[in-house]
Amino acid sequence: MDRLLEILIFAGIIAFQTFAGYIDNKYMGVILPVIFTGIVGFLAIAGQLSFSMRDVTMPILGLFTLLGIYASGKESKKKKIQKELDKMKAQDIIKG
């Protein structure tokens, strides 16, 4: 049951970041990276993270992953708009 909950949480995080990028809302897109950075900072201050290679690279990788998910949602919206514009141009040429 714990695995299912973890999968649902990750799916929710990915969906939220993608949606924030899709609607191009920078403030919504920065919520999860700030929370993630805060949690990593808290864990570092509390002594839960050491300065090993894994404990340094994983938070950086996680942060870039969240930013990448936001960017992919934004790119998806751009492609959809461009596709619609191309379709409209094609219809104008046919009618024109």
N, C-alpha and C. Protein backbone atom coordinates (compact mmCIF):
# COMPACT_ATOMS: atom_id res chain seq x y z
N MET A 1 0.82 -1.19 0.00
CA MET A 1 0.00 0.00 0.00
C MET A 1 0.87 1.27 0.00
N ASP A 2 2.01 1.19 0.67
CA ASP A 2 2.90 2.35 0.70
C ASP A 2 3.44 2.67 -0.69
N ARG A 3 3.73 1.64 -1.48
CA ARG A 3 4.23 1.85 -2.84
C ARG A 3 3.18 2.56 -3.70
N LEU A 4 1.93 2.16 -3.54
CA LEU A 4 0.86 2.78 -4.31
C LEU A 4 0.73 4.26 -3.95
N LEU A 5 0.84 4.57 -2.67
CA LEU A 5 0.77 5.96 -2.22
C LEU A 5 1.94 6.77 -2.78
N GLU A 6 3.14 6.19 -2.78
CA GLU A 6 4.30 6.88 -3.35
C GLU A 6 4.11 7.15 -4.84
N ILE A 7 3.61 6.18 -5.56
CA ILE A 7 3.37 6.34 -6.99
C ILE A 7 2.33 7.43 -7.24
N LEU A 8 1.28 7.45 -6.44
CA LEU A 8 0.24 8.47 -6.60
C LEU A 8 0.78 9.87 -6.28
N ILE A 9 1.64 9.97 -5.28
CA ILE A 9 2.24 11.27 -4.94
C ILE A 9 3.13 11.75 -6.08
N PHE A 10 3.98 10.86 -6.61
CA PHE A 10 4.84 11.24 -7.72
C PHE A 10 4.03 11.62 -8.95
N ALA A 11 2.96 10.88 -9.22
CA ALA A 11 2.10 11.20 -10.37
C ALA A 11 1.44 12.56 -10.17
N GLY A 12 1.03 12.86 -8.95
CA GLY A 12 0.43 14.15 -8.66
C GLY A 12 1.42 15.30 -8.82
N ILE A 13 2.66 15.07 -8.38
CA ILE A 13 3.70 16.09 -8.53
C ILE A 13 3.97 16.36 -10.00
N ILE A 14 4.11 15.30 -10.78
CA ILE A 14 4.37 15.45 -12.21
C ILE A 14 3.19 16.15 -12.89
N ALA A 15 1.97 15.76 -12.53
CA ALA A 15 0.78 16.37 -13.13
C ALA A 15 0.70 17.86 -12.78
N PHE A 16 0.99 18.19 -11.53
CA PHE A 16 0.92 19.59 -11.11
C PHE A 16 1.96 20.45 -11.84
N GLN A 17 3.19 19.96 -11.92
CA GLN A 17 4.24 20.71 -12.60
C GLN A 17 3.94 20.86 -14.08
N THR A 18 3.45 19.79 -14.70
CA THR A 18 3.11 19.85 -16.12
C THR A 18 1.98 20.84 -16.36
N PHE A 19 0.96 20.81 -15.49
CA PHE A 19 -0.16 21.73 -15.61
C PHE A 19 0.29 23.17 -15.43
N ALA A 20 1.16 23.42 -14.45
CA ALA A 20 1.67 24.77 -14.22
C ALA A 20 2.43 25.28 -15.45
N GLY A 21 3.20 24.41 -16.08
CA GLY A 21 3.89 24.80 -17.31
C GLY A 21 2.94 25.00 -18.46
N TYR A 22 1.93 24.16 -18.53
CA TYR A 22 0.97 24.22 -19.63
C TYR A 22 0.20 25.54 -19.62
N ILE A 23 -0.19 25.99 -18.42
CA ILE A 23 -0.92 27.26 -18.35
C ILE A 23 0.04 28.43 -18.24
N ASP A 24 1.34 28.15 -18.24
CA ASP A 24 2.40 29.16 -18.23
C ASP A 24 2.28 30.08 -17.02
N ASN A 25 2.05 29.48 -15.86
CA ASN A 25 1.97 30.23 -14.62
C ASN A 25 3.27 30.02 -13.85
N LYS A 26 4.12 31.03 -13.85
CA LYS A 26 5.43 30.92 -13.22
C LYS A 26 5.32 30.74 -11.71
N TYR A 27 4.33 31.37 -11.10
CA TYR A 27 4.18 31.27 -9.65
C TYR A 27 3.78 29.87 -9.22
N MET A 28 2.88 29.25 -9.97
CA MET A 28 2.52 27.86 -9.65
C MET A 28 3.68 26.93 -9.94
N GLY A 29 4.45 27.23 -10.98
CA GLY A 29 5.57 26.39 -11.35
C GLY A 29 6.73 26.44 -10.38
N VAL A 30 6.80 27.48 -9.57
CA VAL A 30 7.91 27.62 -8.63
C VAL A 30 7.55 27.04 -7.25
N ILE A 31 6.31 26.71 -7.01
CA ILE A 31 5.89 26.21 -5.69
C ILE A 31 6.64 24.94 -5.31
N LEU A 32 6.59 23.92 -6.16
CA LEU A 32 7.23 22.64 -5.80
C LEU A 32 8.75 22.73 -5.74
N PRO A 33 9.43 23.42 -6.66
CA PRO A 33 10.89 23.56 -6.49
C PRO A 33 11.29 24.27 -5.19
N VAL A 34 10.51 25.27 -4.77
CA VAL A 34 10.82 25.96 -3.51
C VAL A 34 10.59 25.03 -2.33
N ILE A 35 9.49 24.30 -2.35
CA ILE A 35 9.23 23.34 -1.27
C ILE A 35 10.32 22.29 -1.23
N PHE A 36 10.70 21.78 -2.39
CA PHE A 36 11.75 20.76 -2.47
C PHE A 36 13.08 21.30 -1.91
N THR A 37 13.43 22.52 -2.32
CA THR A 37 14.67 23.13 -1.83
C THR A 37 14.60 23.34 -0.32
N GLY A 38 13.45 23.74 0.18
CA GLY A 38 13.28 23.92 1.62
C GLY A 38 13.44 22.62 2.39
N ILE A 39 12.88 21.55 1.86
CA ILE A 39 13.01 20.25 2.52
C ILE A 39 14.45 19.79 2.51
N VAL A 40 15.14 19.95 1.39
CA VAL A 40 16.55 19.57 1.31
C VAL A 40 17.39 20.40 2.27
N GLY A 41 17.10 21.70 2.33
CA GLY A 41 17.81 22.57 3.27
C GLY A 41 17.58 22.16 4.71
N PHE A 42 16.33 21.85 5.04
CA PHE A 42 16.00 21.40 6.39
C PHE A 42 16.73 20.10 6.74
N LEU A 43 16.73 19.16 5.80
CA LEU A 43 17.41 17.88 6.05
C LEU A 43 18.92 18.09 6.21
N ALA A 44 19.48 19.03 5.46
CA ALA A 44 20.92 19.31 5.58
C ALA A 44 21.24 19.93 6.94
N ILE A 45 20.40 20.87 7.37
CA ILE A 45 20.61 21.51 8.67
C ILE A 45 20.40 20.52 9.81
N ALA A 46 19.42 19.64 9.66
CA ALA A 46 19.12 18.65 10.70
C ALA A 46 20.17 17.54 10.77
N GLY A 47 21.07 17.50 9.81
CA GLY A 47 22.12 16.50 9.82
C GLY A 47 21.74 15.19 9.15
N GLN A 48 20.63 15.17 8.45
CA GLN A 48 20.18 13.96 7.78
C GLN A 48 20.92 13.73 6.46
N LEU A 49 21.50 14.78 5.90
CA LEU A 49 22.25 14.67 4.66
C LEU A 49 23.72 14.94 4.94
N SER A 50 24.55 14.12 4.40
CA SER A 50 25.99 14.37 4.50
C SER A 50 26.46 14.97 3.18
N PHE A 51 27.73 15.25 3.08
CA PHE A 51 28.25 15.81 1.84
C PHE A 51 28.87 14.71 0.98
N SER A 52 28.13 13.61 0.85
CA SER A 52 28.57 12.53 -0.04
C SER A 52 28.11 12.87 -1.46
N MET A 53 28.63 12.15 -2.40
CA MET A 53 28.29 12.39 -3.81
C MET A 53 26.78 12.23 -4.04
N ARG A 54 26.19 11.21 -3.45
CA ARG A 54 24.77 10.95 -3.63
C ARG A 54 23.92 12.05 -3.00
N ASP A 55 24.28 12.48 -1.79
CA ASP A 55 23.49 13.48 -1.09
C ASP A 55 23.64 14.88 -1.69
N VAL A 56 24.61 15.08 -2.52
CA VAL A 56 24.77 16.37 -3.20
C VAL A 56 24.10 16.33 -4.58
N THR A 57 24.28 15.24 -5.31
CA THR A 57 23.75 15.20 -6.68
C THR A 57 22.25 14.94 -6.75
N MET A 58 21.70 14.16 -5.84
CA MET A 58 20.28 13.84 -5.91
C MET A 58 19.37 15.06 -5.74
N PRO A 59 19.64 15.96 -4.77
CA PRO A 59 18.79 17.17 -4.71
C PRO A 59 18.92 18.05 -5.95
N ILE A 60 20.11 18.15 -6.49
CA ILE A 60 20.30 18.95 -7.70
C ILE A 60 19.54 18.30 -8.86
N LEU A 61 19.65 17.00 -8.98
CA LEU A 61 18.93 16.28 -10.02
C LEU A 61 17.42 16.42 -9.85
N GLY A 62 16.94 16.34 -8.61
CA GLY A 62 15.51 16.50 -8.34
C GLY A 62 15.01 17.89 -8.71
N LEU A 63 15.80 18.90 -8.40
CA LEU A 63 15.41 20.27 -8.72
C LEU A 63 15.36 20.47 -10.24
N PHE A 64 16.38 20.00 -10.94
CA PHE A 64 16.37 20.13 -12.40
C PHE A 64 15.25 19.30 -13.03
N THR A 65 14.89 18.20 -12.43
CA THR A 65 13.77 17.40 -12.94
C THR A 65 12.47 18.18 -12.82
N LEU A 66 12.24 18.80 -11.67
CA LEU A 66 11.02 19.60 -11.51
C LEU A 66 10.98 20.76 -12.51
N LEU A 67 12.10 21.41 -12.70
CA LEU A 67 12.16 22.51 -13.66
C LEU A 67 11.97 22.01 -15.09
N GLY A 68 12.49 20.83 -15.38
CA GLY A 68 12.33 20.24 -16.71
C GLY A 68 10.89 19.84 -16.99
N ILE A 69 10.20 19.33 -15.98
CA ILE A 69 8.79 18.97 -16.15
C ILE A 69 7.97 20.23 -16.44
N TYR A 70 8.27 21.32 -15.73
CA TYR A 70 7.59 22.58 -15.99
C TYR A 70 7.84 23.04 -17.43
N ALA A 71 9.09 22.96 -17.85
CA ALA A 71 9.45 23.40 -19.21
C ALA A 71 8.79 22.53 -20.27
N SER A 72 8.66 21.23 -20.01
CA SER A 72 8.02 20.36 -21.00
C SER A 72 6.53 20.67 -21.12
N GLY A 73 5.88 21.02 -20.03
CA GLY A 73 4.48 21.43 -20.10
C GLY A 73 4.31 22.71 -20.89
N LYS A 74 5.24 23.63 -20.69
CA LYS A 74 5.21 24.90 -21.42
C LYS A 74 5.44 24.66 -22.91
N GLU A 75 6.38 23.79 -23.24
CA GLU A 75 6.67 23.46 -24.64
C GLU A 75 5.48 22.76 -25.29
N SER A 76 4.80 21.91 -24.53
CA SER A 76 3.62 21.22 -25.05
C SER A 76 2.54 22.22 -25.45
N LYS A 77 2.34 23.24 -24.64
CA LYS A 77 1.35 24.28 -24.96
C LYS A 77 1.76 25.04 -26.22
N LYS A 78 3.06 25.37 -26.34
CA LYS A 78 3.54 26.08 -27.53
C LYS A 78 3.29 25.27 -28.79
N LYS A 79 3.58 23.97 -28.73
CA LYS A 79 3.38 23.10 -29.90
C LYS A 79 1.91 23.03 -30.27
N LYS A 80 1.03 22.97 -29.28
CA LYS A 80 -0.40 22.89 -29.55
C LYS A 80 -0.87 24.18 -30.23
N ILE A 81 -0.42 25.31 -29.72
CA ILE A 81 -0.81 26.59 -30.32
C ILE A 81 -0.29 26.70 -31.75
N GLN A 82 0.97 26.30 -31.96
CA GLN A 82 1.55 26.37 -33.31
C GLN A 82 0.80 25.45 -34.27
N LYS A 83 0.40 24.29 -33.80
CA LYS A 83 -0.35 23.36 -34.64
C LYS A 83 -1.70 23.96 -35.03
N GLU A 84 -2.35 24.62 -34.07
CA GLU A 84 -3.63 25.26 -34.36
C GLU A 84 -3.45 26.41 -35.35
N LEU A 85 -2.37 27.19 -35.18
CA LEU A 85 -2.11 28.29 -36.12
C LEU A 85 -1.84 27.77 -37.53
N ASP A 86 -1.08 26.69 -37.62
CA ASP A 86 -0.81 26.10 -38.93
C ASP A 86 -2.09 25.60 -39.59
N LYS A 87 -2.97 25.03 -38.78
CA LYS A 87 -4.25 24.54 -39.31
C LYS A 87 -5.09 25.72 -39.81
N MET A 88 -5.09 26.81 -39.07
CA MET A 88 -5.84 28.00 -39.48
C MET A 88 -5.28 28.59 -40.76
N LYS A 89 -3.95 28.65 -40.89
CA LYS A 89 -3.32 29.15 -42.09
C LYS A 89 -3.66 28.30 -43.29
N ALA A 90 -3.67 27.00 -43.10
CA ALA A 90 -4.00 26.08 -44.20
C ALA A 90 -5.44 26.30 -44.65
N GLN A 91 -6.36 26.50 -43.70
CA GLN A 91 -7.74 26.76 -44.06
C GLN A 91 -7.90 28.09 -44.79
N ASP A 92 -7.13 29.10 -44.37
CA ASP A 92 -7.17 30.39 -45.05
C ASP A 92 -6.67 30.28 -46.49
N ILE A 93 -5.64 29.49 -46.71
CA ILE A 93 -5.09 29.30 -48.05
C ILE A 93 -6.11 28.59 -48.94
N ILE A 94 -6.80 27.59 -48.38
CA ILE A 94 -7.80 26.86 -49.16
C ILE A 94 -8.97 27.77 -49.52
N LYS A 95 -9.42 28.57 -48.56
CA LYS A 95 -10.56 29.47 -48.81
C LYS A 95 -10.16 30.66 -49.66
N GLY A 96 -8.90 31.07 -49.53
CA GLY A 96 -8.39 32.30 -50.09
C GLY A 96 -8.35 32.52 -51.51
